[in-house]
Protein backbone atom coordinates (compact mmCIF):
# COMPACT_ATOMS: atom_id res chain seq x y z
CA MET A 1 -232.63 -82.05 15.78
CA THR A 2 -228.94 -82.56 16.29
CA GLN A 3 -226.77 -85.45 17.30
CA GLU A 4 -224.66 -86.04 20.75
CA LEU A 5 -221.62 -83.55 20.95
CA TYR A 6 -219.43 -83.96 24.05
CA LEU A 7 -217.37 -80.71 24.57
CA PRO A 8 -215.54 -81.14 28.08
CA PRO A 9 -213.88 -78.01 29.44
CA THR A 10 -210.48 -78.93 29.11
CA PRO A 11 -208.08 -76.02 29.10
CA GLN A 12 -207.60 -76.75 25.54
CA ILE A 13 -210.94 -76.39 24.42
CA LEU A 14 -211.60 -73.20 26.55
CA GLN A 15 -208.33 -71.90 25.09
CA TRP A 16 -209.85 -72.67 21.50
CA LEU A 17 -213.27 -70.92 22.27
CA ALA A 18 -211.34 -67.78 23.82
CA GLY A 19 -209.75 -67.47 20.52
CA GLY A 20 -206.19 -67.74 22.02
CA GLN A 21 -207.07 -65.22 24.40
CA LEU A 22 -207.94 -67.39 27.46
CA ALA A 23 -206.27 -65.36 29.99
CA ASN A 24 -208.70 -62.64 29.30
CA ARG A 25 -211.65 -64.61 28.43
CA LEU A 26 -211.50 -67.85 30.98
CA VAL A 27 -215.06 -66.67 32.47
CA ARG A 28 -216.74 -66.19 29.33
CA SER A 29 -215.17 -69.07 27.49
CA LEU A 30 -216.83 -71.54 29.86
CA ARG A 31 -220.12 -69.81 29.54
CA LEU A 32 -219.92 -70.37 25.82
CA LEU A 33 -219.17 -74.15 26.61
CA VAL A 34 -221.83 -74.54 28.83
CA LEU A 35 -223.97 -73.07 26.18
CA ILE A 36 -222.70 -75.30 23.44
CA ASP A 37 -223.32 -78.19 25.71
CA LYS A 38 -226.71 -77.49 26.83
CA LEU A 39 -227.62 -76.99 23.18
CA TYR A 40 -226.12 -79.87 21.77
CA SER A 41 -225.49 -82.65 24.08
CA VAL A 42 -228.30 -85.45 24.54
CA LYS A 43 -227.73 -85.11 28.37
CA THR A 44 -230.25 -82.23 28.33
CA ASP A 45 -233.79 -81.87 27.24
CA TRP A 46 -233.25 -78.72 25.21
CA ALA A 47 -233.57 -80.13 21.91
CA ASP A 48 -237.24 -81.21 22.79
CA LYS A 49 -238.10 -78.05 24.67
CA ILE A 50 -236.59 -75.24 22.59
CA PRO A 51 -237.51 -74.95 18.99
CA THR A 52 -234.96 -75.16 16.25
CA ALA A 53 -235.21 -71.49 16.04
CA PHE A 54 -235.48 -70.03 19.30
CA THR A 55 -235.43 -66.42 20.93
CA TYR A 56 -233.17 -65.39 24.00
CA SER A 57 -236.18 -65.53 26.10
CA GLN A 58 -236.93 -68.92 25.25
CA LEU A 59 -233.11 -69.74 26.16
CA ARG A 60 -233.24 -67.89 29.11
CA ASP A 61 -236.26 -69.91 30.65
CA ARG A 62 -234.38 -73.13 30.22
CA LEU A 63 -231.31 -71.83 31.18
CA PHE A 64 -232.23 -70.14 34.52
CA ALA A 65 -234.55 -71.27 37.16
CA TYR A 66 -238.26 -70.24 37.49
CA ARG A 67 -237.64 -67.48 39.74
CA HIS A 68 -234.23 -66.09 38.35
CA PRO A 69 -235.03 -62.33 37.41
CA LYS A 70 -235.86 -61.54 34.09
CA SER A 71 -235.52 -57.94 34.18
CA ASP A 72 -232.76 -56.43 31.66
CA ARG A 73 -232.45 -53.20 34.03
CA LEU A 74 -231.18 -55.25 36.92
CA ASN A 75 -227.01 -55.12 37.45
CA ALA A 76 -225.46 -58.77 37.95
CA GLN A 77 -225.30 -58.22 41.72
CA GLN A 78 -228.84 -57.35 42.08
CA ILE A 79 -230.00 -60.43 39.87
CA ALA A 80 -227.98 -62.94 42.19
CA VAL A 81 -229.52 -61.39 45.11
CA GLN A 82 -232.88 -61.68 43.99
CA CYS A 83 -232.56 -65.12 42.34
CA GLY A 84 -233.70 -67.16 45.51
CA ASP A 85 -233.29 -70.78 43.65
CA LEU A 86 -230.01 -71.81 44.97
CA GLN A 87 -230.01 -74.55 41.98
CA CYS A 88 -229.93 -72.09 39.64
CA ILE A 89 -227.16 -71.92 37.30
CA CYS A 90 -226.21 -68.40 38.46
CA HIS A 91 -225.40 -69.76 41.75
CA GLN A 92 -222.56 -72.02 40.44
CA THR A 93 -219.15 -71.39 40.71
CA PHE A 94 -216.87 -71.62 37.95
CA SER A 95 -215.37 -74.47 40.42
CA GLU A 96 -218.59 -76.35 40.56
CA ILE A 97 -219.15 -76.23 36.83
CA VAL A 98 -216.00 -77.82 35.86
CA PHE A 99 -215.04 -79.98 38.53
CA GLU A 100 -218.32 -81.35 40.20
CA GLN A 101 -220.96 -81.29 37.46
CA ASN A 102 -221.07 -83.81 34.62
CA PHE A 103 -217.62 -82.49 33.26
CA GLN A 104 -215.61 -83.74 36.32
CA GLN A 105 -212.45 -82.81 35.29
CA ASN A 106 -209.08 -83.71 37.29
CA GLU A 107 -208.74 -80.74 39.33
CA ALA A 108 -204.84 -80.60 39.91
CA GLN A 109 -204.09 -81.56 36.07
CA TRP A 110 -206.77 -78.71 34.97
CA LEU A 111 -205.29 -75.99 37.16
CA GLU A 112 -201.60 -76.50 36.13
CA GLN A 113 -202.71 -76.71 32.37
CA ILE A 114 -204.58 -73.26 32.85
CA ILE A 115 -201.57 -71.78 34.57
CA LEU A 116 -199.28 -72.82 31.84
CA LEU A 117 -201.81 -71.62 29.20
CA THR A 118 -202.67 -68.39 30.84
CA GLY A 119 -199.86 -67.22 32.89
CA ILE A 120 -202.14 -66.88 35.55
CA ASN A 121 -200.80 -67.23 39.07
CA LYS A 122 -202.41 -69.56 41.59
CA GLU A 123 -203.90 -66.84 43.93
CA GLU A 124 -205.63 -64.96 40.77
CA LEU A 125 -207.08 -68.12 39.41
CA GLN A 126 -208.37 -69.48 43.01
CA LYS A 127 -210.41 -66.18 42.81
CA VAL A 128 -211.76 -66.85 39.15
CA LEU A 129 -212.80 -70.30 40.41
CA GLN A 130 -215.34 -68.77 43.09
CA GLU A 131 -216.59 -66.61 40.67
CA ARG A 132 -220.26 -67.52 39.37
CA PRO A 133 -220.07 -67.15 35.29
CA PHE A 134 -224.07 -67.03 35.02
CA ALA A 135 -224.47 -64.46 37.65
CA THR A 136 -224.58 -62.15 34.76
CA VAL A 137 -226.82 -59.51 32.90
CA HIS A 138 -229.11 -61.10 30.33
CA ARG A 139 -227.08 -58.41 28.11
CA SER A 140 -224.12 -60.85 28.43
CA ILE A 141 -225.80 -64.11 27.74
CA ARG A 142 -227.10 -62.31 24.39
CA ASP A 143 -223.89 -61.06 23.70
CA ASP A 144 -222.56 -64.83 24.12
CA LEU A 145 -225.18 -66.02 21.79
CA LYS A 146 -224.32 -63.48 19.09
CA GLN A 147 -220.45 -64.79 19.91
CA LEU A 148 -221.44 -68.44 19.21
CA ILE A 149 -222.66 -67.20 15.71
CA GLN A 150 -219.32 -65.54 15.09
CA LEU A 151 -217.66 -69.08 15.85
CA GLY A 152 -220.15 -71.05 13.55
CA TRP A 153 -222.44 -72.67 16.45
CA LEU A 154 -225.41 -71.08 15.84
CA HIS A 155 -227.18 -69.24 12.47
CA GLN A 156 -228.89 -66.00 13.01
CA ALA A 157 -232.36 -66.90 12.25
CA GLY A 158 -234.00 -63.38 11.87
CA GLN A 159 -234.12 -60.65 14.16
CA GLY A 160 -233.89 -61.74 17.72
CA LYS A 161 -233.70 -65.40 16.50
CA TYR A 162 -231.37 -67.95 16.56
CA GLN A 163 -230.89 -71.38 15.18
CA TYR A 164 -229.56 -74.65 15.75
CA LEU A 165 -227.23 -76.35 13.29
CA ALA A 166 -226.92 -79.79 11.89
CA ARG A 167 -224.07 -82.01 13.65
CA GLU A 168 -222.25 -82.02 10.47
CA GLU A 169 -222.57 -78.29 10.25
CA LEU A 170 -220.72 -77.72 13.73
CA PRO A 171 -217.07 -76.62 13.63
CA LEU A 172 -214.35 -79.32 13.94
CA LEU A 173 -213.25 -79.68 17.52
CA PRO A 174 -209.50 -79.00 18.22
CA THR A 175 -208.81 -82.97 18.41
CA GLN A 176 -210.49 -83.32 14.85
CA LEU A 177 -208.59 -80.47 13.63
CA GLU A 178 -205.12 -82.15 14.55
CA ALA A 179 -206.44 -85.26 13.04
CA ASP A 180 -207.05 -83.53 9.70
CA SER A 181 -203.88 -81.76 9.99
CA SER A 182 -203.85 -78.12 10.95
CA LEU A 183 -201.86 -76.98 8.53
CA PRO A 184 -203.17 -75.69 4.96
CA LYS A 185 -203.08 -78.75 2.61
CA LEU A 186 -201.50 -77.69 -0.93
CA THR A 187 -203.09 -80.74 -2.08
CA SER A 188 -206.37 -79.03 -1.64
CA LEU A 189 -205.45 -76.87 -4.72
CA PRO A 190 -207.95 -76.33 -7.76
CA SER A 191 -207.71 -79.89 -9.93
CA LEU A 192 -204.71 -79.54 -12.25
CA SER A 193 -206.45 -81.75 -14.86
CA HIS A 194 -206.80 -78.80 -17.22
CA LEU A 195 -203.08 -78.60 -17.90
CA SER A 196 -201.54 -80.07 -21.08
CA GLU A 197 -198.93 -82.46 -20.61
CA GLN A 198 -196.04 -80.14 -21.45
CA GLN A 199 -197.67 -77.46 -19.18
CA THR A 200 -197.74 -80.20 -16.48
CA TRP A 201 -194.07 -81.02 -17.26
CA GLU A 202 -192.99 -77.45 -17.19
CA LEU A 203 -194.81 -76.96 -13.74
CA LEU A 204 -193.32 -79.82 -12.40
CA ARG A 205 -189.98 -78.94 -12.92
CA VAL A 206 -190.33 -75.17 -11.41
CA LEU A 207 -191.98 -76.86 -8.23
CA GLU A 208 -188.93 -79.24 -7.86
CA SER A 209 -186.50 -76.59 -8.18
CA ILE A 210 -188.40 -74.75 -5.25
CA THR A 211 -189.13 -77.30 -2.95
CA PHE A 212 -186.65 -76.60 -0.50
CA VAL A 213 -188.40 -73.02 0.27
CA GLN A 214 -191.63 -75.19 0.95
CA PRO A 215 -191.45 -78.59 1.82
CA ASN A 216 -195.24 -79.22 1.67
CA LEU A 217 -194.99 -78.55 -2.32
CA SER A 218 -193.62 -82.36 -2.19
CA SER A 219 -197.40 -83.52 -2.10
CA ILE A 220 -198.07 -81.54 -5.32
CA ILE A 221 -195.05 -82.80 -7.11
CA GLU A 222 -196.18 -86.35 -6.28
CA LYS A 223 -199.78 -85.42 -7.68
CA LEU A 224 -198.27 -84.13 -10.71
CA TRP A 225 -196.44 -87.24 -11.24
CA GLU A 226 -199.36 -89.27 -10.99
CA GLN A 227 -201.16 -86.54 -13.60
CA ILE A 228 -198.65 -87.28 -16.08
CA ALA A 229 -198.42 -91.08 -15.58
CA ASP A 230 -202.42 -90.95 -15.78
CA ASN A 231 -202.34 -88.98 -19.13
CA SER A 232 -199.92 -91.32 -20.83
CA PRO A 233 -201.56 -93.38 -23.37
CA SER A 234 -199.99 -96.65 -21.84
CA GLY A 235 -200.59 -95.54 -17.88
CA THR A 236 -196.75 -95.26 -17.77
CA LEU A 237 -194.20 -92.18 -18.02
CA HIS A 238 -192.72 -91.64 -21.70
CA GLN A 239 -189.66 -93.44 -22.46
CA GLN A 240 -187.93 -89.76 -22.85
CA ASP A 241 -189.02 -86.79 -21.27
CA PRO A 242 -189.69 -83.35 -22.81
CA GLN A 243 -186.46 -81.60 -23.38
CA GLN A 244 -186.26 -79.09 -20.53
CA ARG A 245 -185.60 -75.70 -21.90
CA ILE A 246 -186.15 -73.34 -18.70
CA PHE A 247 -183.79 -73.70 -15.66
CA LEU A 248 -183.83 -72.32 -12.30
CA HIS A 249 -180.34 -71.39 -10.63
CA LEU A 250 -181.13 -70.69 -6.91
CA ASP A 251 -178.08 -70.62 -4.56
CA TYR A 252 -178.91 -72.73 -1.61
CA ILE A 253 -175.63 -74.42 -0.12
CA LEU A 254 -177.03 -76.64 2.38
CA SER A 255 -176.15 -80.39 2.88
CA PRO A 256 -179.12 -82.99 2.68
CA GLN A 257 -178.84 -83.39 6.48
CA MET A 258 -178.86 -79.67 7.29
CA GLN A 259 -181.84 -79.38 5.00
CA ASP A 260 -183.87 -82.07 7.04
CA CYS A 261 -183.02 -80.11 10.02
CA VAL A 262 -184.21 -76.61 8.61
CA ASP A 263 -187.54 -78.38 7.08
CA ASN A 264 -188.13 -79.57 10.67
CA TYR A 265 -187.68 -76.41 12.08
CA GLN A 266 -189.99 -74.75 9.55
CA GLU A 267 -192.40 -77.46 10.22
CA GLN A 268 -192.65 -76.76 13.79
CA ILE A 269 -193.01 -73.19 13.49
CA GLU A 270 -195.73 -73.54 11.03
CA GLN A 271 -197.60 -76.03 13.32
CA LEU A 272 -197.33 -73.34 16.20
CA TRP A 273 -199.19 -70.34 14.03
CA TYR A 274 -201.85 -72.74 12.96
CA LYS A 275 -202.60 -74.39 16.64
CA PRO A 276 -204.23 -71.68 18.76
CA PRO A 277 -202.82 -70.19 21.21
CA GLY A 278 -199.46 -70.47 19.60
CA GLY A 279 -196.63 -69.89 21.86
CA VAL A 280 -192.95 -69.19 22.06
CA VAL A 281 -189.85 -71.05 20.73
CA GLN A 282 -186.43 -71.54 22.35
CA PHE A 283 -183.28 -72.73 20.64
CA GLU A 284 -179.49 -72.54 21.00
CA TYR A 285 -178.00 -70.15 18.03
CA TRP A 286 -174.75 -70.05 16.57
CA ILE A 287 -173.37 -66.30 16.38
CA ALA A 288 -170.89 -66.65 13.35
CA ALA A 289 -168.61 -63.72 14.50
CA THR A 290 -167.62 -65.35 17.65
CA GLU A 291 -168.24 -68.92 16.90
CA SER A 292 -170.30 -69.46 20.17
CA LYS A 293 -173.69 -70.58 20.85
CA VAL A 294 -176.28 -68.17 22.75
CA LYS A 295 -180.00 -69.04 23.94
CA ILE A 296 -182.98 -67.49 22.26
CA THR A 297 -186.39 -67.09 23.51
CA VAL A 298 -188.82 -65.49 21.10
CA TYR A 299 -191.87 -65.01 19.43
CA PRO A 300 -191.91 -66.30 15.92
CA VAL A 301 -193.71 -64.09 13.60
CA CYS A 302 -192.80 -65.22 9.84
CA LEU A 303 -190.62 -66.71 7.41
CA HIS A 304 -188.45 -65.61 4.77
CA TYR A 305 -186.13 -66.71 2.17
CA VAL A 306 -183.70 -64.20 1.45
CA ARG A 307 -180.48 -65.12 -1.25
CA ARG A 308 -179.08 -68.21 0.02
CA ALA A 309 -180.97 -68.85 3.38
CA LYS A 310 -184.49 -69.40 5.26
CA TYR A 311 -184.79 -66.74 8.07
CA LEU A 312 -187.20 -66.49 11.12
CA SER A 313 -188.43 -62.75 12.06
CA ALA A 314 -189.01 -63.17 15.79
CA TYR A 315 -189.22 -60.71 18.55
CA GLY A 316 -188.03 -61.40 22.34
CA ILE A 317 -184.65 -62.15 23.68
CA ASP A 318 -182.02 -61.61 20.86
CA PRO A 319 -178.32 -62.75 20.91
CA ASP A 320 -177.27 -59.86 22.82
CA GLY A 321 -179.73 -60.43 25.37
CA ASN A 322 -182.49 -57.74 24.33
CA ILE A 323 -186.05 -57.79 24.01
CA ALA A 324 -186.13 -56.76 20.41
CA TRP A 325 -186.44 -58.12 16.86
CA HIS A 326 -184.06 -60.24 15.17
CA ASN A 327 -183.60 -62.57 11.86
CA TYR A 328 -182.35 -65.89 13.02
CA ARG A 329 -180.87 -68.41 10.08
CA LEU A 330 -182.72 -71.81 10.28
CA ASP A 331 -179.38 -73.37 9.24
CA ARG A 332 -177.71 -71.79 12.09
CA ILE A 333 -180.03 -73.04 15.07
CA ALA A 334 -178.49 -75.94 17.01
CA GLY A 335 -180.37 -79.20 17.86
CA ASP A 336 -182.73 -81.44 16.01
CA ARG A 337 -186.02 -79.41 17.12
CA LEU A 338 -187.26 -76.48 18.72
CA LYS A 339 -188.32 -76.07 22.41
CA VAL A 340 -192.02 -74.95 22.13
CA LEU A 341 -192.87 -72.70 25.59
CA ALA A 342 -196.67 -72.51 26.53
CA TRP A 343 -197.60 -69.15 27.40
CA GLY A 344 -197.61 -69.82 31.16
CA ASP A 345 -194.22 -71.27 31.12
CA PRO A 346 -192.08 -69.10 33.32
CA LEU A 347 -189.15 -69.18 30.71
CA VAL A 348 -191.44 -66.85 28.52
CA PRO A 349 -190.26 -63.39 29.08
CA GLN A 350 -192.64 -60.95 31.05
CA GLU A 351 -192.90 -58.52 28.25
CA LEU A 352 -193.89 -61.24 25.75
CA LYS A 353 -196.48 -62.22 28.24
CA GLN A 354 -197.83 -58.94 28.69
CA MET A 355 -198.38 -58.43 24.84
CA TRP A 356 -200.14 -61.52 24.67
CA HIS A 357 -202.42 -60.86 27.38
CA THR A 358 -203.13 -57.57 25.92
CA GLY A 359 -203.24 -59.05 22.06
CA SER A 360 -200.75 -56.60 21.11
CA LEU A 361 -198.23 -59.52 19.89
CA PRO A 362 -196.22 -58.65 16.75
CA THR A 363 -197.71 -59.17 13.45
CA PRO A 364 -196.33 -60.38 10.14
CA GLU A 365 -198.07 -57.08 8.65
CA TYR A 366 -195.93 -54.61 10.86
CA ILE A 367 -192.80 -56.23 9.18
CA ALA A 368 -194.41 -55.79 5.69
CA GLY A 369 -194.84 -52.32 6.54
CA GLU A 370 -191.11 -51.85 7.85
CA LEU A 371 -189.90 -53.81 4.51
CA LYS A 372 -191.75 -51.33 2.60
CA ALA A 373 -190.40 -48.48 4.31
CA ALA A 374 -186.87 -49.08 3.46
CA TRP A 375 -184.74 -51.09 1.22
CA GLY A 376 -183.00 -54.18 3.60
CA PHE A 377 -184.06 -57.50 5.11
CA ASN A 378 -182.89 -56.27 8.69
CA PHE A 379 -186.29 -54.06 8.96
CA TYR A 380 -185.30 -53.22 12.47
CA PHE A 381 -181.75 -51.34 11.51
CA LYS A 382 -181.73 -47.72 11.50
CA LYS A 383 -183.29 -46.18 8.31
CA GLU A 384 -181.24 -43.75 6.30
CA LEU A 385 -181.29 -41.91 2.52
CA LEU A 386 -178.91 -43.59 0.36
CA ILE A 387 -177.69 -41.30 -2.77
CA LEU A 388 -176.02 -43.01 -5.96
CA ARG A 389 -173.95 -41.81 -8.89
CA PHE A 390 -173.59 -43.90 -11.85
CA PRO A 391 -172.16 -43.34 -15.32
CA VAL A 392 -175.08 -42.59 -17.67
CA ASP A 393 -174.08 -45.85 -19.98
CA PHE A 394 -173.67 -47.99 -17.49
CA ALA A 395 -177.16 -46.75 -15.84
CA LYS A 396 -178.70 -47.27 -18.93
CA TRP A 397 -177.94 -51.14 -19.10
CA TYR A 398 -177.82 -52.15 -15.64
CA VAL A 399 -179.88 -49.87 -13.40
CA ASP A 400 -182.44 -48.51 -15.26
CA ASN A 401 -186.10 -49.98 -15.41
CA THR A 402 -184.74 -52.41 -12.80
CA THR A 403 -186.90 -52.72 -9.23
CA ARG A 404 -184.71 -52.46 -6.28
CA HIS A 405 -187.19 -51.35 -3.72
CA SER A 406 -190.31 -49.23 -3.90
CA THR A 407 -188.33 -45.97 -2.64
CA PHE A 408 -185.39 -46.54 -5.28
CA GLN A 409 -186.05 -44.00 -7.81
CA ALA A 410 -183.81 -41.69 -10.45
CA VAL A 411 -183.39 -38.08 -9.41
CA LEU A 412 -181.54 -35.22 -11.13
CA HIS A 413 -178.19 -33.86 -9.95
CA ASP A 414 -180.07 -30.55 -9.21
CA GLN A 415 -182.66 -32.14 -6.93
CA LEU A 416 -179.82 -33.46 -4.74
CA PRO A 417 -179.21 -30.61 -2.43
CA GLN A 418 -182.75 -29.91 -1.59
CA LEU A 419 -183.18 -33.96 -0.47
CA ILE A 420 -179.77 -33.60 1.50
CA VAL A 421 -180.98 -30.55 3.48
CA LYS A 422 -184.46 -32.05 3.91
CA ASN A 423 -183.14 -35.44 5.16
CA ILE A 424 -179.70 -35.53 6.69
CA PRO A 425 -180.40 -33.93 10.36
CA ASN A 426 -176.56 -33.88 11.30
CA GLU A 427 -175.21 -30.88 10.41
CA GLN A 428 -171.83 -31.77 9.84
CA GLU A 429 -172.55 -34.60 7.57
CA ARG A 430 -174.95 -32.68 5.60
CA GLU A 431 -172.08 -30.10 4.62
CA GLN A 432 -169.94 -32.67 3.56
CA LEU A 433 -172.74 -34.19 1.28
CA LEU A 434 -173.40 -30.90 -0.12
CA LYS A 435 -169.58 -30.58 -1.04
CA ILE A 436 -169.40 -33.88 -2.59
CA VAL A 437 -172.30 -33.28 -4.71
CA SER A 438 -171.24 -29.79 -5.93
CA GLN A 439 -168.27 -31.51 -7.22
CA CYS A 440 -170.11 -34.22 -8.98
CA PRO A 441 -170.65 -34.11 -12.97
CA THR A 442 -173.98 -32.90 -13.58
CA GLU A 443 -174.64 -35.25 -16.35
CA ASP A 444 -174.33 -38.51 -14.52
CA ALA A 445 -177.06 -40.63 -13.48
CA TYR A 446 -178.37 -40.42 -9.86
CA TYR A 447 -180.70 -42.35 -7.78
CA ILE A 448 -181.82 -42.33 -4.07
CA ALA A 449 -183.43 -44.62 -1.81
CA TRP A 450 -184.29 -45.77 1.86
CA ILE A 451 -182.26 -47.90 3.02
CA ARG A 452 -181.51 -50.15 6.28
CA THR A 453 -177.89 -49.15 7.07
CA GLY A 454 -175.82 -52.24 7.67
CA ASP A 455 -178.04 -54.43 5.92
CA ILE A 456 -175.59 -57.15 4.27
CA ASN A 457 -178.08 -57.89 1.36
CA VAL A 458 -178.08 -54.37 0.48
CA LEU A 459 -173.86 -54.05 1.09
CA MET A 460 -173.76 -56.89 -1.50
CA ARG A 461 -175.60 -55.23 -3.89
CA LEU A 462 -173.56 -51.80 -3.67
CA ARG A 463 -170.49 -54.02 -3.91
CA GLU A 464 -171.79 -55.78 -6.95
CA TRP A 465 -171.96 -52.52 -8.55
CA ARG A 466 -168.73 -51.48 -7.93
CA PRO A 467 -166.37 -50.10 -9.57
CA ASN A 468 -169.17 -48.23 -11.58
CA GLY A 469 -171.16 -47.07 -8.98
CA GLU A 470 -170.26 -44.28 -6.08
CA VAL A 471 -172.03 -44.32 -2.79
CA ILE A 472 -172.30 -40.53 -1.93
CA ALA A 473 -174.68 -41.15 1.08
CA PRO A 474 -174.80 -42.25 3.77
CA LEU A 475 -171.12 -41.21 4.68
CA SER A 476 -170.59 -44.39 6.88
CA ILE A 477 -171.45 -46.63 3.81
CA ARG A 478 -169.40 -44.24 1.48
CA TYR A 479 -166.56 -44.59 3.96
CA GLN A 480 -166.82 -48.28 4.08
CA MET A 481 -166.67 -48.85 0.23
CA ARG A 482 -163.80 -46.49 0.17
CA ALA A 483 -161.80 -48.55 2.59
CA GLU A 484 -163.10 -51.77 1.02
CA ALA A 485 -161.63 -50.56 -2.12
CA GLU A 486 -158.39 -49.36 -1.02
CA GLN A 487 -158.05 -52.93 0.45
CA GLU A 488 -158.68 -54.78 -2.94
CA PHE A 489 -156.15 -52.10 -4.27
CA LYS A 490 -153.57 -53.68 -2.01
CA ASN A 491 -154.28 -57.18 -2.67
CA TYR A 492 -153.84 -56.91 -6.28
CA GLN A 493 -150.92 -54.62 -6.05
CA ALA A 494 -149.08 -57.18 -3.80
CA LEU A 495 -150.13 -59.86 -6.86
CA LEU A 496 -148.36 -57.54 -9.47
CA GLY A 497 -145.33 -56.99 -7.08
């Protein structure tokens, strides 16, 4: 019915079965592993005693001793008391199953790895080792079988029935996943053979232009080169390539050596995401303003390419020593590699450990929502209303019908007072803005958006609109734009003498 399968209760495999939540599911993950071992290992006779499609009662009678209570009305304590067979699996402790049965794990090493993975202290772990995983109600075992269906170890074979899988249908074990690479393979994209030679050339050049964003694109590029050679009449590349007429100009100013470092950081982070249970990264980070390094310990959430650099959005100990969000430029990380910390490592901040235990770690979806809420890459900055004024002719050619952010939109001059009253809570600032707006030409073009105040990317866009664009709100940015313009005037005034 099945081929032999060896699935030892190593901390890594238990963590894998627990879906990365081993601290909360340690006992259950061992039950799942034992059930898998019983069902698929040739060391047992289950394959001969239980039909391919079986019911819970058939599994129950093989799993437990003959005198084990079969009633669904008994609680776990009553079941343990009423089962008089000390050889029944319900009397075996967690420790006995892992260290004294056929699995025979190295106890000291196993305990050390579990503590690192879960953050459970030694005293709590000793209590878990004395628990009896199978001294539980039958409903729990039924739920375990449902979980095995979800994990791909069994099939649902009708109402109340479960079915074995063929060996080749079973999930890949963590070691197999590692051998097959835990990262999605870009070479597994659909066949490119339907592309014409001209289309292949165009795609090749575009991909080569943006390889620095995703280094794994190199495998696709290699495949495209092979396809061009294979499709050439002589089996070799043409003496003269088709003339390139589409160019991508992207600002990316790293040296080849720094690019290699950034690619290494990116690869490490991606591997951490695709290898449960993930973890925390630690690195030294250059602060440009002070030209000094600080130690950063954070949970990595997602990567961005913004303007001229790659950034890691992460939550943890930020450059100011606070537990907070921050965007880190990968090219400002010091060192060749990131230090990866397991969840049980004492260097992991307690707040992050707690979030991991409760399954409440930050997600990319949260960042996407914050980016959508306001214009600006620094999604953790304060959100404020932006009001802009442009001459109509300038707006027609450089602002209208362009996409800046989902909140960026044109408004009429008559709408501004109501918007200010509704969205500016500070009374003094509100009165100043109402006075400024009352003096602005009604025929000009006005725009509003929600922005992250102080975000450098927003500020750079506002600077690029000078001198045609006027920032009305927020007042803090209005004053900043004025101070910069005055400084520019002084600079040019000195040149003119």
